[in-house]
Each structure stands twice: as structure tokens, then as C-alpha cells.
Amino acid sequence: SVVEACTKLGEALLKQAQKMDHPA
């Protein structure tokens, strides 16, 4: 469950990163 929660956190971080100016 820790892995699953961290995976979801990673998705949230990626979503936020895509709002930032980093085209990669």
C-alpha cells in the first residue's frame, strides 16, 4: 500500500511538473 500511495503521489507530482516550464 505504501508503494501504491507513492505511485499516486508520483502521478500528482508529474501532473504539477507538467504545469511548469519544462518541455521534456
PDB file of all heavy atoms in Angstrom:
ATOM      1  N   SER A   1       0.827  -1.203   0.000  1.00  0.00           N
ATOM      2  CA  SER A   1       0.000   0.000   0.000  1.00  0.00           C
ATOM      3  C   SER A   1       0.863   1.256   0.000  1.00  0.00           C
ATOM      4  O   SER A   1       0.478   2.282  -0.577  1.00  0.00           O
ATOM      5  CB  SER A   1      -0.940  -0.011   1.205  1.00  0.00           C
ATOM      6  OG  SER A   1      -1.955   0.949   1.060  1.00  0.00           O
ATOM      7  N   VAL A   2       2.021   1.205   0.640  1.00  0.00           N
ATOM      8  CA  VAL A   2       2.967   2.319   0.579  1.00  0.00           C
ATOM      9  C   VAL A   2       3.387   2.564  -0.868  1.00  0.00           C
ATOM     10  O   VAL A   2       3.431   3.715  -1.337  1.00  0.00           O
ATOM     11  CB  VAL A   2       4.199   2.044   1.470  1.00  0.00           C
ATOM     12  CG1 VAL A   2       5.311   3.047   1.185  1.00  0.00           C
ATOM     13  CG2 VAL A   2       3.817   2.099   2.941  1.00  0.00           C
ATOM     14  N   VAL A   3       3.693   1.498  -1.589  1.00  0.00           N
ATOM     15  CA  VAL A   3       4.076   1.635  -2.997  1.00  0.00           C
ATOM     16  C   VAL A   3       2.943   2.271  -3.800  1.00  0.00           C
ATOM     17  O   VAL A   3       3.163   3.176  -4.621  1.00  0.00           O
ATOM     18  CB  VAL A   3       4.457   0.267  -3.598  1.00  0.00           C
ATOM     19  CG1 VAL A   3       4.696   0.381  -5.098  1.00  0.00           C
ATOM     20  CG2 VAL A   3       5.703  -0.280  -2.912  1.00  0.00           C
ATOM     21  N   GLU A   4       1.721   1.803  -3.564  1.00  0.00           N
ATOM     22  CA  GLU A   4       0.574   2.340  -4.297  1.00  0.00           C
ATOM     23  C   GLU A   4       0.360   3.819  -3.998  1.00  0.00           C
ATOM     24  O   GLU A   4       0.083   4.624  -4.901  1.00  0.00           O
ATOM     25  CB  GLU A   4      -0.673   1.536  -3.933  1.00  0.00           C
ATOM     26  CG  GLU A   4      -0.628   0.094  -4.412  1.00  0.00           C
ATOM     27  CD  GLU A   4      -1.721  -0.768  -3.806  1.00  0.00           C
ATOM     28  OE1 GLU A   4      -2.637  -0.193  -3.179  1.00  0.00           O
ATOM     29  OE2 GLU A   4      -1.663  -1.995  -3.953  1.00  0.00           O
ATOM     30  N   ALA A   5       0.466   4.196  -2.726  1.00  0.00           N
ATOM     31  CA  ALA A   5       0.300   5.596  -2.357  1.00  0.00           C
ATOM     32  C   ALA A   5       1.395   6.461  -2.971  1.00  0.00           C
ATOM     33  O   ALA A   5       1.131   7.577  -3.458  1.00  0.00           O
ATOM     34  CB  ALA A   5       0.296   5.743  -0.840  1.00  0.00           C
ATOM     35  N   CYS A   6       2.623   5.961  -2.961  1.00  0.00           N
ATOM     36  CA  CYS A   6       3.732   6.716  -3.544  1.00  0.00           C
ATOM     37  C   CYS A   6       3.592   6.824  -5.061  1.00  0.00           C
ATOM     38  O   CYS A   6       3.970   7.842  -5.657  1.00  0.00           O
ATOM     39  CB  CYS A   6       5.064   6.077  -3.166  1.00  0.00           C
ATOM     40  SG  CYS A   6       5.515   6.305  -1.426  1.00  0.00           S
ATOM     41  N   THR A   7       3.059   5.784  -5.687  1.00  0.00           N
ATOM     42  CA  THR A   7       2.806   5.856  -7.130  1.00  0.00           C
ATOM     43  C   THR A   7       1.802   6.963  -7.437  1.00  0.00           C
ATOM     44  O   THR A   7       1.980   7.745  -8.385  1.00  0.00           O
ATOM     45  CB  THR A   7       2.283   4.506  -7.642  1.00  0.00           C
ATOM     46  OG1 THR A   7       3.271   3.498  -7.413  1.00  0.00           O
ATOM     47  CG2 THR A   7       1.973   4.575  -9.136  1.00  0.00           C
ATOM     48  N   LYS A   8       0.757   7.053  -6.651  1.00  0.00           N
ATOM     49  CA  LYS A   8      -0.242   8.115  -6.846  1.00  0.00           C
ATOM     50  C   LYS A   8       0.353   9.490  -6.560  1.00  0.00           C
ATOM     51  O   LYS A   8       0.020  10.470  -7.237  1.00  0.00           O
ATOM     52  CB  LYS A   8      -1.455   7.848  -5.964  1.00  0.00           C
ATOM     53  CG  LYS A   8      -2.259   6.629  -6.406  1.00  0.00           C
ATOM     54  CD  LYS A   8      -3.518   6.455  -5.577  1.00  0.00           C
ATOM     55  CE  LYS A   8      -4.333   5.265  -6.078  1.00  0.00           C
ATOM     56  NZ  LYS A   8      -5.585   5.082  -5.326  1.00  0.00           N
ATOM     57  N   LEU A   9       1.227   9.545  -5.557  1.00  0.00           N
ATOM     58  CA  LEU A   9       1.904  10.806  -5.286  1.00  0.00           C
ATOM     59  C   LEU A   9       2.796  11.188  -6.467  1.00  0.00           C
ATOM     60  O   LEU A   9       2.858  12.367  -6.862  1.00  0.00           O
ATOM     61  CB  LEU A   9       2.729  10.694  -4.007  1.00  0.00           C
ATOM     62  CG  LEU A   9       3.564  11.918  -3.618  1.00  0.00           C
ATOM     63  CD1 LEU A   9       2.666  13.143  -3.416  1.00  0.00           C
ATOM     64  CD2 LEU A   9       4.377  11.640  -2.359  1.00  0.00           C
ATOM     65  N   GLY A  10       3.464  10.208  -7.027  1.00  0.00           N
ATOM     66  CA  GLY A  10       4.292  10.468  -8.200  1.00  0.00           C
ATOM     67  C   GLY A  10       3.479  11.009  -9.364  1.00  0.00           C
ATOM     68  O   GLY A  10       3.920  11.916 -10.090  1.00  0.00           O
ATOM     69  N   GLU A  11       2.281  10.452  -9.553  1.00  0.00           N
ATOM     70  CA  GLU A  11       1.398  10.943 -10.617  1.00  0.00           C
ATOM     71  C   GLU A  11       0.997  12.395 -10.360  1.00  0.00           C
ATOM     72  O   GLU A  11       0.931  13.214 -11.292  1.00  0.00           O
ATOM     73  CB  GLU A  11       0.166  10.054 -10.707  1.00  0.00           C
ATOM     74  CG  GLU A  11       0.469   8.640 -11.198  1.00  0.00           C
ATOM     75  CD  GLU A  11      -0.729   7.706 -11.084  1.00  0.00           C
ATOM     76  OE1 GLU A  11      -1.701   8.079 -10.401  1.00  0.00           O
ATOM     77  OE2 GLU A  11      -0.677   6.611 -11.687  1.00  0.00           O
ATOM     78  N   ALA A  12       0.725  12.721  -9.085  1.00  0.00           N
ATOM     79  CA  ALA A  12       0.355  14.094  -8.745  1.00  0.00           C
ATOM     80  C   ALA A  12       1.526  15.049  -8.972  1.00  0.00           C
ATOM     81  O   ALA A  12       1.339  16.189  -9.445  1.00  0.00           O
ATOM     82  CB  ALA A  12      -0.110  14.157  -7.290  1.00  0.00           C
ATOM     83  N   LEU A  13       2.736  14.596  -8.646  1.00  0.00           N
ATOM     84  CA  LEU A  13       3.915  15.423  -8.872  1.00  0.00           C
ATOM     85  C   LEU A  13       4.166  15.632 -10.360  1.00  0.00           C
ATOM     86  O   LEU A  13       4.528  16.740 -10.801  1.00  0.00           O
ATOM     87  CB  LEU A  13       5.137  14.773  -8.218  1.00  0.00           C
ATOM     88  CG  LEU A  13       5.175  14.811  -6.684  1.00  0.00           C
ATOM     89  CD1 LEU A  13       6.225  13.839  -6.146  1.00  0.00           C
ATOM     90  CD2 LEU A  13       5.450  16.234  -6.189  1.00  0.00           C
ATOM     91  N   LEU A  14       3.979  14.582 -11.146  1.00  0.00           N
ATOM     92  CA  LEU A  14       4.157  14.713 -12.593  1.00  0.00           C
ATOM     93  C   LEU A  14       3.131  15.683 -13.176  1.00  0.00           C
ATOM     94  O   LEU A  14       3.459  16.514 -14.043  1.00  0.00           O
ATOM     95  CB  LEU A  14       4.034  13.339 -13.259  1.00  0.00           C
ATOM     96  CG  LEU A  14       4.115  13.322 -14.796  1.00  0.00           C
ATOM     97  CD1 LEU A  14       5.439  13.908 -15.276  1.00  0.00           C
ATOM     98  CD2 LEU A  14       3.926  11.899 -15.321  1.00  0.00           C
ATOM     99  N   LYS A  15       1.916  15.587 -12.704  1.00  0.00           N
ATOM    100  CA  LYS A  15       0.865  16.494 -13.177  1.00  0.00           C
ATOM    101  C   LYS A  15       1.220  17.945 -12.868  1.00  0.00           C
ATOM    102  O   LYS A  15       1.029  18.848 -13.699  1.00  0.00           O
ATOM    103  CB  LYS A  15      -0.460  16.118 -12.527  1.00  0.00           C
ATOM    104  CG  LYS A  15      -1.659  16.886 -13.049  1.00  0.00           C
ATOM    105  CD  LYS A  15      -2.945  16.371 -12.418  1.00  0.00           C
ATOM    106  CE  LYS A  15      -4.153  17.132 -12.961  1.00  0.00           C
ATOM    107  NZ  LYS A  15      -5.431  16.624 -12.356  1.00  0.00           N
ATOM    108  N   GLN A  16       1.771  18.182 -11.660  1.00  0.00           N
ATOM    109  CA  GLN A  16       2.192  19.534 -11.310  1.00  0.00           C
ATOM    110  C   GLN A  16       3.390  19.958 -12.152  1.00  0.00           C
ATOM    111  O   GLN A  16       3.468  21.111 -12.608  1.00  0.00           O
ATOM    112  CB  GLN A  16       2.549  19.600  -9.822  1.00  0.00           C
ATOM    113  CG  GLN A  16       3.207  20.896  -9.372  1.00  0.00           C
ATOM    114  CD  GLN A  16       2.341  22.120  -9.617  1.00  0.00           C
ATOM    115  OE1 GLN A  16       1.116  22.051  -9.519  1.00  0.00           O
ATOM    116  NE2 GLN A  16       2.978  23.239  -9.970  1.00  0.00           N
ATOM    117  N   ALA A  17       4.321  19.042 -12.402  1.00  0.00           N
ATOM    118  CA  ALA A  17       5.509  19.367 -13.204  1.00  0.00           C
ATOM    119  C   ALA A  17       5.129  19.780 -14.616  1.00  0.00           C
ATOM    120  O   ALA A  17       5.788  20.643 -15.226  1.00  0.00           O
ATOM    121  CB  ALA A  17       6.450  18.167 -13.233  1.00  0.00           C
ATOM    122  N   GLN A  18       4.069  19.173 -15.126  1.00  0.00           N
ATOM    123  CA  GLN A  18       3.649  19.493 -16.493  1.00  0.00           C
ATOM    124  C   GLN A  18       3.042  20.884 -16.607  1.00  0.00           C
ATOM    125  O   GLN A  18       2.860  21.396 -17.708  1.00  0.00           O
ATOM    126  CB  GLN A  18       2.674  18.421 -16.982  1.00  0.00           C
ATOM    127  CG  GLN A  18       3.355  17.080 -17.216  1.00  0.00           C
ATOM    128  CD  GLN A  18       2.397  15.934 -17.475  1.00  0.00           C
ATOM    129  OE1 GLN A  18       1.223  16.007 -17.096  1.00  0.00           O
ATOM    130  NE2 GLN A  18       2.886  14.889 -18.119  1.00  0.00           N
ATOM    131  N   LYS A  19       2.711  21.482 -15.460  1.00  0.00           N
ATOM    132  CA  LYS A  19       2.233  22.860 -15.467  1.00  0.00           C
ATOM    133  C   LYS A  19       3.404  23.852 -15.478  1.00  0.00           C
ATOM    134  O   LYS A  19       3.202  25.055 -15.661  1.00  0.00           O
ATOM    135  CB  LYS A  19       1.374  23.123 -14.227  1.00  0.00           C
ATOM    136  CG  LYS A  19       0.117  22.279 -14.139  1.00  0.00           C
ATOM    137  CD  LYS A  19      -0.625  22.572 -12.838  1.00  0.00           C
ATOM    138  CE  LYS A  19      -1.861  21.697 -12.695  1.00  0.00           C
ATOM    139  NZ  LYS A  19      -2.567  21.953 -11.405  1.00  0.00           N
ATOM    140  N   MET A  20       4.601  23.343 -15.248  1.00  0.00           N
ATOM    141  CA  MET A  20       5.786  24.192 -15.171  1.00  0.00           C
ATOM    142  C   MET A  20       6.476  24.259 -16.534  1.00  0.00           C
ATOM    143  O   MET A  20       6.186  23.472 -17.450  1.00  0.00           O
ATOM    144  CB  MET A  20       6.738  23.642 -14.100  1.00  0.00           C
ATOM    145  CG  MET A  20       6.088  23.575 -12.713  1.00  0.00           C
ATOM    146  SD  MET A  20       6.988  22.565 -11.526  1.00  0.00           S
ATOM    147  CE  MET A  20       8.500  23.502 -11.358  1.00  0.00           C
ATOM    148  N   ASP A  21       7.392  25.161 -16.670  1.00  0.00           N
ATOM    149  CA  ASP A  21       8.056  25.398 -17.958  1.00  0.00           C
ATOM    150  C   ASP A  21       9.224  24.431 -18.139  1.00  0.00           C
ATOM    151  O   ASP A  21      10.389  24.796 -17.979  1.00  0.00           O
ATOM    152  CB  ASP A  21       8.537  26.849 -18.030  1.00  0.00           C
ATOM    153  CG  ASP A  21       9.079  27.184 -19.427  1.00  0.00           C
ATOM    154  OD1 ASP A  21       8.739  26.444 -20.371  1.00  0.00           O
ATOM    155  OD2 ASP A  21       9.827  28.176 -19.535  1.00  0.00           O
ATOM    156  N   HIS A  22       8.885  23.172 -18.427  1.00  0.00           N
ATOM    157  CA  HIS A  22       9.918  22.151 -18.666  1.00  0.00           C
ATOM    158  C   HIS A  22       9.398  21.238 -19.767  1.00  0.00           C
ATOM    159  O   HIS A  22       8.709  20.250 -19.507  1.00  0.00           O
ATOM    160  CB  HIS A  22      10.198  21.359 -17.396  1.00  0.00           C
ATOM    161  CG  HIS A  22      11.538  20.677 -17.415  1.00  0.00           C
ATOM    162  ND1 HIS A  22      11.944  19.857 -18.434  1.00  0.00           N
ATOM    163  CD2 HIS A  22      12.583  20.729 -16.528  1.00  0.00           C
ATOM    164  CE1 HIS A  22      13.153  19.387 -18.187  1.00  0.00           C
ATOM    165  NE2 HIS A  22      13.570  19.917 -17.033  1.00  0.00           N
ATOM    166  N   PRO A  23       9.715  21.555 -21.008  1.00  0.00           N
ATOM    167  CA  PRO A  23       9.110  20.847 -22.146  1.00  0.00           C
ATOM    168  C   PRO A  23       9.365  19.340 -22.161  1.00  0.00           C
ATOM    169  O   PRO A  23       8.573  18.582 -22.717  1.00  0.00           O
ATOM    170  CB  PRO A  23       9.758  21.524 -23.361  1.00  0.00           C
ATOM    171  CG  PRO A  23      10.994  22.192 -22.826  1.00  0.00           C
ATOM    172  CD  PRO A  23      10.670  22.586 -21.434  1.00  0.00           C
ATOM    173  N   ALA A  24      10.437  18.875 -21.542  1.00  0.00           N
ATOM    174  CA  ALA A  24      10.752  17.441 -21.586  1.00  0.00           C
ATOM    175  C   ALA A  24       9.676  16.594 -20.919  1.00  0.00           C
ATOM    176  O   ALA A  24       9.496  15.416 -21.255  1.00  0.00           O
ATOM    177  CB  ALA A  24      12.105  17.180 -20.933  1.00  0.00           C
TER     178      ALA A  24
END
